[in-house]
Amino acid sequence: MPSPKTLIAVQRAWDRTYRALADPAHRRQTTILRRRLLELSVRVWCHPYWRAAGSGQRVALRVRARELESEVG
């Protein structure tokens, strides 16, 4: 069962936000980034897709999101 495009987009945004939070250059934005990460976490974990998908699909989502990010560069 492939992940929906909207869910992949949210996971990609989560990955980018997580990397920004770890970057010392964004030291002054930690509160904003943490709030954004929390918001995106809720959107990923509460997405309706998970009602029908198996638990192994969560890993597949993260892998696919990372693949797309590496393609974009």
PDB file of N, CA and C in Angstrom:
ATOM      1  N   MET A   1       0.851  -1.179   0.000  1.00  0.00           N
ATOM      2  CA  MET A   1       0.000   0.000   0.000  1.00  0.00           C
ATOM      3  C   MET A   1       0.900   1.246   0.000  1.00  0.00           C
ATOM      4  N   PRO A   2       0.945   1.980  -1.097  1.00  0.00           N
ATOM      5  CA  PRO A   2       1.794   3.168  -1.161  1.00  0.00           C
ATOM      6  C   PRO A   2       1.252   4.307  -0.288  1.00  0.00           C
ATOM      7  N   SER A   3       2.163   5.086   0.238  1.00  0.00           N
ATOM      8  CA  SER A   3       1.776   6.231   1.070  1.00  0.00           C
ATOM      9  C   SER A   3       1.204   7.333   0.193  1.00  0.00           C
ATOM     10  N   PRO A   4       0.176   8.040   0.693  1.00  0.00           N
ATOM     11  CA  PRO A   4      -0.373   9.160  -0.084  1.00  0.00           C
ATOM     12  C   PRO A   4       0.631  10.311  -0.181  1.00  0.00           C
ATOM     13  N   LYS A   5       0.539  11.057  -1.272  1.00  0.00           N
ATOM     14  CA  LYS A   5       1.475  12.165  -1.516  1.00  0.00           C
ATOM     15  C   LYS A   5       1.451  13.189  -0.390  1.00  0.00           C
ATOM     16  N   THR A   6       0.273  13.452   0.173  1.00  0.00           N
ATOM     17  CA  THR A   6       0.202  14.453   1.248  1.00  0.00           C
ATOM     18  C   THR A   6       0.977  13.999   2.468  1.00  0.00           C
ATOM     19  N   LEU A   7       0.908  12.726   2.774  1.00  0.00           N
ATOM     20  CA  LEU A   7       1.621  12.192   3.929  1.00  0.00           C
ATOM     21  C   LEU A   7       3.133  12.232   3.691  1.00  0.00           C
ATOM     22  N   ILE A   8       3.553  11.918   2.491  1.00  0.00           N
ATOM     23  CA  ILE A   8       4.980  11.985   2.161  1.00  0.00           C
ATOM     24  C   ILE A   8       5.463  13.430   2.272  1.00  0.00           C
ATOM     25  N   ALA A   9       4.663  14.375   1.807  1.00  0.00           N
ATOM     26  CA  ALA A   9       5.046  15.789   1.886  1.00  0.00           C
ATOM     27  C   ALA A   9       5.203  16.239   3.337  1.00  0.00           C
ATOM     28  N   VAL A  10       4.307  15.797   4.203  1.00  0.00           N
ATOM     29  CA  VAL A  10       4.404  16.168   5.618  1.00  0.00           C
ATOM     30  C   VAL A  10       5.637  15.532   6.254  1.00  0.00           C
ATOM     31  N   GLN A  11       5.926  14.288   5.902  1.00  0.00           N
ATOM     32  CA  GLN A  11       7.123  13.622   6.434  1.00  0.00           C
ATOM     33  C   GLN A  11       8.385  14.323   5.956  1.00  0.00           C
ATOM     34  N   ARG A  12       8.404  14.763   4.709  1.00  0.00           N
ATOM     35  CA  ARG A  12       9.566  15.496   4.198  1.00  0.00           C
ATOM     36  C   ARG A  12       9.745  16.807   4.953  1.00  0.00           C
ATOM     37  N   ALA A  13       8.649  17.494   5.222  1.00  0.00           N
ATOM     38  CA  ALA A  13       8.721  18.744   5.990  1.00  0.00           C
ATOM     39  C   ALA A  13       9.230  18.461   7.397  1.00  0.00           C
ATOM     40  N   TRP A  14       8.809  17.339   7.984  1.00  0.00           N
ATOM     41  CA  TRP A  14       9.269  16.943   9.316  1.00  0.00           C
ATOM     42  C   TRP A  14      10.791  16.740   9.296  1.00  0.00           C
ATOM     43  N   ASP A  15      11.271  16.010   8.279  1.00  0.00           N
ATOM     44  CA  ASP A  15      12.711  15.752   8.165  1.00  0.00           C
ATOM     45  C   ASP A  15      13.501  17.055   8.027  1.00  0.00           C
ATOM     46  N   ARG A  16      13.016  17.980   7.192  1.00  0.00           N
ATOM     47  CA  ARG A  16      13.704  19.261   7.015  1.00  0.00           C
ATOM     48  C   ARG A  16      13.710  20.073   8.305  1.00  0.00           C
ATOM     49  N   THR A  17      12.600  20.067   9.014  1.00  0.00           N
ATOM     50  CA  THR A  17      12.503  20.806  10.277  1.00  0.00           C
ATOM     51  C   THR A  17      13.431  20.201  11.314  1.00  0.00           C
ATOM     52  N   TYR A  18      13.497  18.887  11.378  1.00  0.00           N
ATOM     53  CA  TYR A  18      14.374  18.206  12.323  1.00  0.00           C
ATOM     54  C   TYR A  18      15.841  18.566  12.059  1.00  0.00           C
ATOM     55  N   ARG A  19      16.224  18.564  10.784  1.00  0.00           N
ATOM     56  CA  ARG A  19      17.603  18.934  10.428  1.00  0.00           C
ATOM     57  C   ARG A  19      17.878  20.394  10.783  1.00  0.00           C
ATOM     58  N   ALA A  20      16.925  21.266  10.552  1.00  0.00           N
ATOM     59  CA  ALA A  20      17.102  22.685  10.892  1.00  0.00           C
ATOM     60  C   ALA A  20      17.273  22.862  12.394  1.00  0.00           C
ATOM     61  N   LEU A  21      16.534  22.091  13.171  1.00  0.00           N
ATOM     62  CA  LEU A  21      16.636  22.176  14.621  1.00  0.00           C
ATOM     63  C   LEU A  21      18.019  21.741  15.106  1.00  0.00           C
ATOM     64  N   ALA A  22      18.619  20.809  14.409  1.00  0.00           N
ATOM     65  CA  ALA A  22      19.950  20.322  14.786  1.00  0.00           C
ATOM     66  C   ALA A  22      21.077  21.232  14.292  1.00  0.00           C
ATOM     67  N   ASP A  23      20.761  22.142  13.407  1.00  0.00           N
ATOM     68  CA  ASP A  23      21.769  23.032  12.818  1.00  0.00           C
ATOM     69  C   ASP A  23      22.047  24.218  13.742  1.00  0.00           C
ATOM     70  N   PRO A  24      23.293  24.396  14.170  1.00  0.00           N
ATOM     71  CA  PRO A  24      23.623  25.518  15.062  1.00  0.00           C
ATOM     72  C   PRO A  24      23.287  26.886  14.470  1.00  0.00           C
ATOM     73  N   ALA A  25      23.199  26.978  13.160  1.00  0.00           N
ATOM     74  CA  ALA A  25      22.863  28.254  12.525  1.00  0.00           C
ATOM     75  C   ALA A  25      21.447  28.716  12.864  1.00  0.00           C
ATOM     76  N   HIS A  26      20.599  27.787  13.306  1.00  0.00           N
ATOM     77  CA  HIS A  26      19.204  28.113  13.645  1.00  0.00           C
ATOM     78  C   HIS A  26      18.990  28.187  15.158  1.00  0.00           C
ATOM     79  N   ARG A  27      20.048  28.451  15.874  1.00  0.00           N
ATOM     80  CA  ARG A  27      20.003  28.467  17.338  1.00  0.00           C
ATOM     81  C   ARG A  27      18.924  29.400  17.897  1.00  0.00           C
ATOM     82  N   ARG A  28      18.678  30.510  17.240  1.00  0.00           N
ATOM     83  CA  ARG A  28      17.707  31.485  17.740  1.00  0.00           C
ATOM     84  C   ARG A  28      16.272  31.119  17.390  1.00  0.00           C
ATOM     85  N   GLN A  29      16.080  30.078  16.625  1.00  0.00           N
ATOM     86  CA  GLN A  29      14.743  29.675  16.185  1.00  0.00           C
ATOM     87  C   GLN A  29      14.278  28.362  16.804  1.00  0.00           C
ATOM     88  N   THR A  30      14.914  27.918  17.871  1.00  0.00           N
ATOM     89  CA  THR A  30      14.596  26.591  18.398  1.00  0.00           C
ATOM     90  C   THR A  30      13.146  26.461  18.833  1.00  0.00           C
ATOM     91  N   THR A  31      12.581  27.488  19.450  1.00  0.00           N
ATOM     92  CA  THR A  31      11.194  27.390  19.900  1.00  0.00           C
ATOM     93  C   THR A  31      10.254  27.229  18.716  1.00  0.00           C
ATOM     94  N   ILE A  32      10.451  28.039  17.696  1.00  0.00           N
ATOM     95  CA  ILE A  32       9.608  27.959  16.497  1.00  0.00           C
ATOM     96  C   ILE A  32       9.757  26.601  15.833  1.00  0.00           C
ATOM     97  N   LEU A  33      10.992  26.132  15.712  1.00  0.00           N
ATOM     98  CA  LEU A  33      11.231  24.841  15.063  1.00  0.00           C
ATOM     99  C   LEU A  33      10.666  23.684  15.877  1.00  0.00           C
ATOM    100  N   ARG A  34      10.771  23.740  17.187  1.00  0.00           N
ATOM    101  CA  ARG A  34      10.202  22.668  18.023  1.00  0.00           C
ATOM    102  C   ARG A  34       8.690  22.629  17.908  1.00  0.00           C
ATOM    103  N   ARG A  35       8.070  23.792  17.885  1.00  0.00           N
ATOM    104  CA  ARG A  35       6.606  23.838  17.710  1.00  0.00           C
ATOM    105  C   ARG A  35       6.210  23.273  16.354  1.00  0.00           C
ATOM    106  N   ARG A  36       6.963  23.632  15.324  1.00  0.00           N
ATOM    107  CA  ARG A  36       6.697  23.127  13.978  1.00  0.00           C
ATOM    108  C   ARG A  36       6.880  21.610  13.932  1.00  0.00           C
ATOM    109  N   LEU A  37       7.920  21.113  14.578  1.00  0.00           N
ATOM    110  CA  LEU A  37       8.166  19.679  14.606  1.00  0.00           C
ATOM    111  C   LEU A  37       7.023  18.945  15.313  1.00  0.00           C
ATOM    112  N   LEU A  38       6.538  19.502  16.389  1.00  0.00           N
ATOM    113  CA  LEU A  38       5.408  18.897  17.099  1.00  0.00           C
ATOM    114  C   LEU A  38       4.160  18.880  16.223  1.00  0.00           C
ATOM    115  N   GLU A  39       3.881  19.999  15.558  1.00  0.00           N
ATOM    116  CA  GLU A  39       2.721  20.077  14.673  1.00  0.00           C
ATOM    117  C   GLU A  39       2.812  19.036  13.557  1.00  0.00           C
ATOM    118  N   LEU A  40       3.976  18.939  12.951  1.00  0.00           N
ATOM    119  CA  LEU A  40       4.164  17.970  11.871  1.00  0.00           C
ATOM    120  C   LEU A  40       4.092  16.535  12.382  1.00  0.00           C
ATOM    121  N   SER A  41       4.595  16.288  13.578  1.00  0.00           N
ATOM    122  CA  SER A  41       4.515  14.944  14.167  1.00  0.00           C
ATOM    123  C   SER A  41       3.066  14.510  14.324  1.00  0.00           C
ATOM    124  N   VAL A  42       2.242  15.410  14.798  1.00  0.00           N
ATOM    125  CA  VAL A  42       0.817  15.099  14.972  1.00  0.00           C
ATOM    126  C   VAL A  42       0.178  14.816  13.621  1.00  0.00           C
ATOM    127  N   ARG A  43       0.522  15.624  12.625  1.00  0.00           N
ATOM    128  CA  ARG A  43      -0.058  15.426  11.292  1.00  0.00           C
ATOM    129  C   ARG A  43       0.362  14.087  10.688  1.00  0.00           C
ATOM    130  N   VAL A  44       1.602  13.672  10.921  1.00  0.00           N
ATOM    131  CA  VAL A  44       2.056  12.378  10.404  1.00  0.00           C
ATOM    132  C   VAL A  44       1.364  11.241  11.145  1.00  0.00           C
ATOM    133  N   TRP A  45       1.414  11.259  12.461  1.00  0.00           N
ATOM    134  CA  TRP A  45       0.914  10.130  13.243  1.00  0.00           C
ATOM    135  C   TRP A  45      -0.597  10.013  13.256  1.00  0.00           C
ATOM    136  N   CYS A  46      -1.303  11.106  13.043  1.00  0.00           N
ATOM    137  CA  CYS A  46      -2.774  11.066  13.073  1.00  0.00           C
ATOM    138  C   CYS A  46      -3.398  11.043  11.687  1.00  0.00           C
ATOM    139  N   HIS A  47      -2.585  10.866  10.663  1.00  0.00           N
ATOM    140  CA  HIS A  47      -3.099  10.843   9.293  1.00  0.00           C
ATOM    141  C   HIS A  47      -4.031   9.634   9.113  1.00  0.00           C
ATOM    142  N   PRO A  48      -5.153   9.825   8.430  1.00  0.00           N
ATOM    143  CA  PRO A  48      -6.117   8.729   8.225  1.00  0.00           C
ATOM    144  C   PRO A  48      -5.535   7.507   7.509  1.00  0.00           C
ATOM    145  N   TYR A  49      -4.460   7.683   6.790  1.00  0.00           N
ATOM    146  CA  TYR A  49      -3.824   6.573   6.073  1.00  0.00           C
ATOM    147  C   TYR A  49      -3.486   5.427   7.017  1.00  0.00           C
ATOM    148  N   TRP A  50      -3.106   5.743   8.260  1.00  0.00           N
ATOM    149  CA  TRP A  50      -2.649   4.715   9.185  1.00  0.00           C
ATOM    150  C   TRP A  50      -3.760   3.778   9.635  1.00  0.00           C
ATOM    151  N   ARG A  51      -5.004   4.148   9.449  1.00  0.00           N
ATOM    152  CA  ARG A  51      -6.110   3.248   9.836  1.00  0.00           C
ATOM    153  C   ARG A  51      -6.095   1.967   9.016  1.00  0.00           C
ATOM    154  N   ALA A  52      -5.654   2.073   7.755  1.00  0.00           N
ATOM    155  CA  ALA A  52      -5.656   0.908   6.870  1.00  0.00           C
ATOM    156  C   ALA A  52      -4.266   0.314   6.663  1.00  0.00           C
ATOM    157  N   ALA A  53      -3.241   1.087   6.907  1.00  0.00           N
ATOM    158  CA  ALA A  53      -1.873   0.632   6.636  1.00  0.00           C
ATOM    159  C   ALA A  53      -1.331  -0.206   7.788  1.00  0.00           C
ATOM    160  N   GLY A  54      -0.436  -1.087   7.460  1.00  0.00           N
ATOM    161  CA  GLY A  54       0.225  -1.882   8.482  1.00  0.00           C
ATOM    162  C   GLY A  54       1.336  -1.101   9.156  1.00  0.00           C
ATOM    163  N   SER A  55       1.813  -1.601  10.273  1.00  0.00           N
ATOM    164  CA  SER A  55       2.831  -0.887  11.040  1.00  0.00           C
ATOM    165  C   SER A  55       4.142  -0.743  10.273  1.00  0.00           C
ATOM    166  N   GLY A  56       4.457  -1.675   9.407  1.00  0.00           N
ATOM    167  CA  GLY A  56       5.682  -1.591   8.622  1.00  0.00           C
ATOM    168  C   GLY A  56       5.682  -0.441   7.630  1.00  0.00           C
ATOM    169  N   GLN A  57       4.519   0.106   7.359  1.00  0.00           N
ATOM    170  CA  GLN A  57       4.418   1.206   6.415  1.00  0.00           C
ATOM    171  C   GLN A  57       5.017   2.500   6.955  1.00  0.00           C
ATOM    172  N   ARG A  58       5.135   2.632   8.267  1.00  0.00           N
ATOM    173  CA  ARG A  58       5.737   3.843   8.845  1.00  0.00           C
ATOM    174  C   ARG A  58       7.208   3.952   8.431  1.00  0.00           C
ATOM    175  N   VAL A  59       7.897   2.841   8.446  1.00  0.00           N
ATOM    176  CA  VAL A  59       9.308   2.835   8.020  1.00  0.00           C
ATOM    177  C   VAL A  59       9.372   3.134   6.522  1.00  0.00           C
ATOM    178  N   ALA A  60       8.493   2.541   5.749  1.00  0.00           N
ATOM    179  CA  ALA A  60       8.477   2.775   4.305  1.00  0.00           C
ATOM    180  C   ALA A  60       8.237   4.251   3.995  1.00  0.00           C
ATOM    181  N   LEU A  61       7.390   4.902   4.772  1.00  0.00           N
ATOM    182  CA  LEU A  61       7.128   6.328   4.587  1.00  0.00           C
ATOM    183  C   LEU A  61       8.405   7.138   4.793  1.00  0.00           C
ATOM    184  N   ARG A  62       9.098   6.867   5.876  1.00  0.00           N
ATOM    185  CA  ARG A  62      10.321   7.619   6.178  1.00  0.00           C
ATOM    186  C   ARG A  62      11.394   7.375   5.120  1.00  0.00           C
ATOM    187  N   VAL A  63      11.519   6.139   4.675  1.00  0.00           N
ATOM    188  CA  VAL A  63      12.501   5.817   3.643  1.00  0.00           C
ATOM    189  C   VAL A  63      12.165   6.555   2.351  1.00  0.00           C
ATOM    190  N   ARG A  64      10.907   6.530   1.955  1.00  0.00           N
ATOM    191  CA  ARG A  64      10.498   7.197   0.704  1.00  0.00           C
ATOM    192  C   ARG A  64      10.717   8.704   0.803  1.00  0.00           C
ATOM    193  N   ALA A  65      10.389   9.292   1.924  1.00  0.00           N
ATOM    194  CA  ALA A  65      10.581  10.738   2.106  1.00  0.00           C
ATOM    195  C   ALA A  65      12.056  11.095   1.992  1.00  0.00           C
ATOM    196  N   ARG A  66      12.921  10.287   2.574  1.00  0.00           N
ATOM    197  CA  ARG A  66      14.368  10.544   2.490  1.00  0.00           C
ATOM    198  C   ARG A  66      14.883  10.377   1.068  1.00  0.00           C
ATOM    199  N   GLU A  67      14.368   9.386   0.359  1.00  0.00           N
ATOM    200  CA  GLU A  67      14.761   9.209  -1.037  1.00  0.00           C
ATOM    201  C   GLU A  67      14.414  10.442  -1.868  1.00  0.00           C
ATOM    202  N   LEU A  68      13.218  10.956  -1.661  1.00  0.00           N
ATOM    203  CA  LEU A  68      12.796  12.136  -2.403  1.00  0.00           C
ATOM    204  C   LEU A  68      13.637  13.356  -2.063  1.00  0.00           C
ATOM    205  N   GLU A  69      13.991  13.494  -0.788  1.00  0.00           N
ATOM    206  CA  GLU A  69      14.835  14.618  -0.374  1.00  0.00           C
ATOM    207  C   GLU A  69      16.214  14.526  -1.010  1.00  0.00           C
ATOM    208  N   SER A  70      16.760  13.318  -1.100  1.00  0.00           N
ATOM    209  CA  SER A  70      18.095  13.175  -1.691  1.00  0.00           C
ATOM    210  C   SER A  70      18.051  13.413  -3.204  1.00  0.00           C
ATOM    211  N   GLU A  71      16.930  13.135  -3.844  1.00  0.00           N
ATOM    212  CA  GLU A  71      16.786  13.419  -5.269  1.00  0.00           C
ATOM    213  C   GLU A  71      16.770  14.909  -5.532  1.00  0.00           C
ATOM    214  N   VAL A  72      16.125  15.649  -4.632  1.00  0.00           N
ATOM    215  CA  VAL A  72      16.026  17.098  -4.778  1.00  0.00           C
ATOM    216  C   VAL A  72      17.372  17.737  -4.490  1.00  0.00           C
ATOM    217  N   GLY A  73      18.085  17.146  -3.524  1.00  0.00           N
ATOM    218  CA  GLY A  73      19.441  17.593  -3.222  1.00  0.00           C
ATOM    219  C   GLY A  73      19.473  18.677  -2.268  1.00  0.00           C
TER     220      GLY A  73
END
